[in-house]
Amino acid sequence: MDNRSIKNIIATQLSQPSWGVEAVAIASAAKAQKRAEKGAPLTCFVLDRGKDEQSDELLQFLTALTKNIHKLEDKTRFQLAIQQGEHWTMCDVIIENKSPIIFVLDASHIIEAIQPICDSFEKYFPKTKIYVYHPDDIENKNVNIR
């Protein structure tokens, strides 16, 4: 994809109330490139939950992770940008003892968005630790562990 195409996608998406997967993937790749130049790698996967299980990229990702987690070193870290309809949720994931530890960040703290993501991780990794940040409770820095 050339620079003109990328700029057209970003310009089109900026006029929308919510960015699409393509625009977030491009923005994430640009950020990863800048971070790499500074020696601070960023690995972000941009996933769309789709309309059903067949098109759910999070489930496809978790299936692949389940099959390949034994190949990952401890402290492997990556981020997930997950789109569910018009809503985006971020997850920061670190692998420890061949299991993911997940920190879920959702600025709107929409339970209907957070719950299915947590449920999906727990389905594939029943012993995983999931931390959910509650932005409404800034004073107490409230983070729940599921």
C-alpha atoms as a PDB file:
ATOM      1  CA  MET A   1       0.000   0.000   0.000  1.00  0.00           C
ATOM      2  CA  ASP A   2       1.490   3.354  -1.013  1.00  0.00           C
ATOM      3  CA  ASN A   3       1.559   6.545   1.090  1.00  0.00           C
ATOM      4  CA  ARG A   4      -1.271   8.150  -0.888  1.00  0.00           C
ATOM      5  CA  SER A   5      -3.562   5.178  -0.175  1.00  0.00           C
ATOM      6  CA  ILE A   6      -2.654   5.247   3.498  1.00  0.00           C
ATOM      7  CA  LYS A   7      -3.348   8.982   3.733  1.00  0.00           C
ATOM      8  CA  ASN A   8      -6.700   8.521   1.966  1.00  0.00           C
ATOM      9  CA  ILE A   9      -7.733   5.778   4.385  1.00  0.00           C
ATOM     10  CA  ILE A  10      -6.752   7.852   7.418  1.00  0.00           C
ATOM     11  CA  ALA A  11      -8.449  10.995   6.054  1.00  0.00           C
ATOM     12  CA  THR A  12     -11.658   9.067   5.339  1.00  0.00           C
ATOM     13  CA  GLN A  13     -11.635   7.435   8.779  1.00  0.00           C
ATOM     14  CA  LEU A  14     -10.944  10.690  10.626  1.00  0.00           C
ATOM     15  CA  SER A  15     -14.252  12.062   9.396  1.00  0.00           C
ATOM     16  CA  GLN A  16     -16.089   9.080  10.903  1.00  0.00           C
ATOM     17  CA  PRO A  17     -17.222   8.850  14.544  1.00  0.00           C
ATOM     18  CA  SER A  18     -15.147   5.678  14.938  1.00  0.00           C
ATOM     19  CA  TRP A  19     -12.046   4.447  13.131  1.00  0.00           C
ATOM     20  CA  GLY A  20     -12.265   1.159  11.279  1.00  0.00           C
ATOM     21  CA  VAL A  21      -9.873  -1.774  11.561  1.00  0.00           C
ATOM     22  CA  GLU A  22      -7.833  -0.688   8.549  1.00  0.00           C
ATOM     23  CA  ALA A  23      -7.145   2.804   9.927  1.00  0.00           C
ATOM     24  CA  VAL A  24      -6.258   1.507  13.406  1.00  0.00           C
ATOM     25  CA  ALA A  25      -3.930  -1.089  11.869  1.00  0.00           C
ATOM     26  CA  ILE A  26      -2.165   1.631   9.860  1.00  0.00           C
ATOM     27  CA  ALA A  27      -1.883   3.944  12.878  1.00  0.00           C
ATOM     28  CA  SER A  28      -0.584   1.044  14.987  1.00  0.00           C
ATOM     29  CA  ALA A  29       2.009   0.105  12.364  1.00  0.00           C
ATOM     30  CA  ALA A  30       3.187   3.722  12.182  1.00  0.00           C
ATOM     31  CA  LYS A  31       3.523   3.840  15.976  1.00  0.00           C
ATOM     32  CA  ALA A  32       5.398   0.511  15.988  1.00  0.00           C
ATOM     33  CA  GLN A  33       7.824   1.843  13.395  1.00  0.00           C
ATOM     34  CA  LYS A  34       8.535   4.994  15.437  1.00  0.00           C
ATOM     35  CA  ARG A  35       8.980   2.928  18.599  1.00  0.00           C
ATOM     36  CA  ALA A  36      11.354   0.536  16.810  1.00  0.00           C
ATOM     37  CA  GLU A  37      13.513   3.485  15.747  1.00  0.00           C
ATOM     38  CA  LYS A  38      13.843   4.364  19.458  1.00  0.00           C
ATOM     39  CA  GLY A  39      14.617   0.764  20.449  1.00  0.00           C
ATOM     40  CA  ALA A  40      11.254   0.289  22.180  1.00  0.00           C
ATOM     41  CA  PRO A  41       9.389  -2.392  20.236  1.00  0.00           C
ATOM     42  CA  LEU A  42       5.608  -2.436  19.979  1.00  0.00           C
ATOM     43  CA  THR A  43       3.654  -5.430  18.764  1.00  0.00           C
ATOM     44  CA  CYS A  44      -0.022  -4.643  18.358  1.00  0.00           C
ATOM     45  CA  PHE A  45      -2.603  -6.892  16.737  1.00  0.00           C
ATOM     46  CA  VAL A  46      -5.729  -5.163  15.451  1.00  0.00           C
ATOM     47  CA  LEU A  47      -8.713  -7.498  15.604  1.00  0.00           C
ATOM     48  CA  ASP A  48     -12.380  -7.264  14.616  1.00  0.00           C
ATOM     49  CA  ARG A  49     -14.890  -9.339  16.602  1.00  0.00           C
ATOM     50  CA  GLY A  50     -17.005  -9.615  13.443  1.00  0.00           C
ATOM     51  CA  LYS A  51     -20.665 -10.484  13.374  1.00  0.00           C
ATOM     52  CA  ASP A  52     -20.389 -14.169  14.359  1.00  0.00           C
ATOM     53  CA  GLU A  53     -17.895 -16.778  15.574  1.00  0.00           C
ATOM     54  CA  GLN A  54     -16.766 -17.522  12.014  1.00  0.00           C
ATOM     55  CA  SER A  55     -15.613 -13.929  11.473  1.00  0.00           C
ATOM     56  CA  ASP A  56     -14.382 -13.250  15.032  1.00  0.00           C
ATOM     57  CA  GLU A  57     -10.687 -12.415  14.695  1.00  0.00           C
ATOM     58  CA  LEU A  58     -10.183 -12.499  18.477  1.00  0.00           C
ATOM     59  CA  LEU A  59     -11.273 -16.143  18.581  1.00  0.00           C
ATOM     60  CA  GLN A  60      -9.030 -16.905  15.606  1.00  0.00           C
ATOM     61  CA  PHE A  61      -6.136 -15.168  17.368  1.00  0.00           C
ATOM     62  CA  LEU A  62      -6.749 -17.059  20.619  1.00  0.00           C
ATOM     63  CA  THR A  63      -6.920 -20.375  18.733  1.00  0.00           C
ATOM     64  CA  ALA A  64      -3.526 -19.644  17.154  1.00  0.00           C
ATOM     65  CA  LEU A  65      -2.110 -18.464  20.495  1.00  0.00           C
ATOM     66  CA  THR A  66      -3.264 -21.667  22.189  1.00  0.00           C
ATOM     67  CA  LYS A  67      -1.469 -23.756  19.561  1.00  0.00           C
ATOM     68  CA  ASN A  68       1.727 -21.692  19.660  1.00  0.00           C
ATOM     69  CA  ILE A  69       2.084 -20.343  23.193  1.00  0.00           C
ATOM     70  CA  HIS A  70       4.669 -23.004  23.996  1.00  0.00           C
ATOM     71  CA  LYS A  71       6.956 -21.300  21.431  1.00  0.00           C
ATOM     72  CA  LEU A  72       6.822 -17.926  23.193  1.00  0.00           C
ATOM     73  CA  GLU A  73       9.387 -16.905  25.761  1.00  0.00           C
ATOM     74  CA  ASP A  74       8.356 -15.679  29.184  1.00  0.00           C
ATOM     75  CA  LYS A  75       7.892 -11.909  29.256  1.00  0.00           C
ATOM     76  CA  THR A  76       6.764 -11.843  25.608  1.00  0.00           C
ATOM     77  CA  ARG A  77       4.476  -8.829  25.450  1.00  0.00           C
ATOM     78  CA  PHE A  78       1.959  -7.613  22.894  1.00  0.00           C
ATOM     79  CA  GLN A  79      -1.128  -5.462  22.654  1.00  0.00           C
ATOM     80  CA  LEU A  80      -4.540  -6.145  21.173  1.00  0.00           C
ATOM     81  CA  ALA A  81      -6.792  -3.452  19.738  1.00  0.00           C
ATOM     82  CA  ILE A  82     -10.203  -5.130  19.548  1.00  0.00           C
ATOM     83  CA  GLN A  83     -13.130  -3.671  17.657  1.00  0.00           C
ATOM     84  CA  GLN A  84     -16.655  -4.709  18.616  1.00  0.00           C
ATOM     85  CA  GLY A  85     -19.085  -2.843  16.400  1.00  0.00           C
ATOM     86  CA  GLU A  86     -18.216   0.848  16.813  1.00  0.00           C
ATOM     87  CA  HIS A  87     -16.375   0.288  20.106  1.00  0.00           C
ATOM     88  CA  TRP A  88     -12.663  -0.341  20.705  1.00  0.00           C
ATOM     89  CA  THR A  89     -11.067  -2.049  23.706  1.00  0.00           C
ATOM     90  CA  MET A  90      -7.330  -2.400  24.306  1.00  0.00           C
ATOM     91  CA  CYS A  91      -5.573  -5.293  25.990  1.00  0.00           C
ATOM     92  CA  ASP A  92      -1.964  -5.424  27.115  1.00  0.00           C
ATOM     93  CA  VAL A  93      -0.825  -9.057  27.250  1.00  0.00           C
ATOM     94  CA  ILE A  94       2.306 -10.582  28.728  1.00  0.00           C
ATOM     95  CA  ILE A  95       3.158 -14.274  28.617  1.00  0.00           C
ATOM     96  CA  GLU A  96       4.272 -15.827  31.881  1.00  0.00           C
ATOM     97  CA  ASN A  97       4.717 -19.571  32.467  1.00  0.00           C
ATOM     98  CA  LYS A  98       3.112 -20.296  29.078  1.00  0.00           C
ATOM     99  CA  SER A  99      -0.054 -18.439  30.050  1.00  0.00           C
ATOM    100  CA  PRO A 100      -1.231 -14.943  29.154  1.00  0.00           C
ATOM    101  CA  ILE A 101      -1.760 -12.267  31.767  1.00  0.00           C
ATOM    102  CA  ILE A 102      -4.159  -9.654  30.421  1.00  0.00           C
ATOM    103  CA  PHE A 103      -4.712  -6.028  31.381  1.00  0.00           C
ATOM    104  CA  VAL A 104      -7.949  -4.732  29.830  1.00  0.00           C
ATOM    105  CA  LEU A 105      -8.233  -1.005  29.168  1.00  0.00           C
ATOM    106  CA  ASP A 106     -11.587   0.368  28.172  1.00  0.00           C
ATOM    107  CA  ALA A 107     -11.936   4.130  28.631  1.00  0.00           C
ATOM    108  CA  SER A 108     -15.733   3.930  28.520  1.00  0.00           C
ATOM    109  CA  HIS A 109     -15.750   0.891  30.807  1.00  0.00           C
ATOM    110  CA  ILE A 110     -18.626  -0.654  28.900  1.00  0.00           C
ATOM    111  CA  ILE A 111     -19.203  -4.015  30.566  1.00  0.00           C
ATOM    112  CA  GLU A 112     -20.932  -5.337  27.436  1.00  0.00           C
ATOM    113  CA  ALA A 113     -17.641  -4.786  25.588  1.00  0.00           C
ATOM    114  CA  ILE A 114     -15.272  -5.977  28.307  1.00  0.00           C
ATOM    115  CA  GLN A 115     -17.121  -9.119  29.429  1.00  0.00           C
ATOM    116  CA  PRO A 116     -17.045 -10.998  26.087  1.00  0.00           C
ATOM    117  CA  ILE A 117     -13.315 -10.329  25.712  1.00  0.00           C
ATOM    118  CA  CYS A 118     -12.600 -11.633  29.216  1.00  0.00           C
ATOM    119  CA  ASP A 119     -14.883 -14.625  28.629  1.00  0.00           C
ATOM    120  CA  SER A 120     -13.043 -15.461  25.400  1.00  0.00           C
ATOM    121  CA  PHE A 121      -9.640 -15.383  27.106  1.00  0.00           C
ATOM    122  CA  GLU A 122     -10.950 -17.527  29.963  1.00  0.00           C
ATOM    123  CA  LYS A 123     -12.415 -20.058  27.509  1.00  0.00           C
ATOM    124  CA  TYR A 124      -9.025 -20.592  25.851  1.00  0.00           C
ATOM    125  CA  PHE A 125      -6.876 -20.055  28.951  1.00  0.00           C
ATOM    126  CA  PRO A 126      -8.947 -20.984  32.044  1.00  0.00           C
ATOM    127  CA  LYS A 127      -6.143 -20.193  34.513  1.00  0.00           C
ATOM    128  CA  THR A 128      -5.251 -16.821  33.036  1.00  0.00           C
ATOM    129  CA  LYS A 129      -5.152 -13.684  35.162  1.00  0.00           C
ATOM    130  CA  ILE A 130      -7.219 -10.800  33.826  1.00  0.00           C
ATOM    131  CA  TYR A 131      -6.958  -7.320  35.261  1.00  0.00           C
ATOM    132  CA  VAL A 132      -9.650  -4.801  34.345  1.00  0.00           C
ATOM    133  CA  TYR A 133      -9.021  -1.104  34.887  1.00  0.00           C
ATOM    134  CA  HIS A 134     -11.985   0.968  36.067  1.00  0.00           C
ATOM    135  CA  PRO A 135     -11.507   4.557  34.852  1.00  0.00           C
ATOM    136  CA  ASP A 136     -14.399   5.847  36.960  1.00  0.00           C
ATOM    137  CA  ASP A 137     -12.448   5.055  40.108  1.00  0.00           C
ATOM    138  CA  ILE A 138      -9.280   7.050  39.405  1.00  0.00           C
ATOM    139  CA  GLU A 139      -8.780   8.112  43.036  1.00  0.00           C
ATOM    140  CA  ASN A 140      -8.483   4.522  44.217  1.00  0.00           C
ATOM    141  CA  LYS A 141      -6.722   3.298  41.063  1.00  0.00           C
ATOM    142  CA  ASN A 142      -9.218   0.454  41.096  1.00  0.00           C
ATOM    143  CA  VAL A 143      -8.109  -2.599  39.140  1.00  0.00           C
ATOM    144  CA  ASN A 144     -10.187  -5.732  39.468  1.00  0.00           C
ATOM    145  CA  ILE A 145      -8.721  -9.176  39.059  1.00  0.00           C
ATOM    146  CA  ARG A 146     -11.037 -11.709  37.505  1.00  0.00           C
END
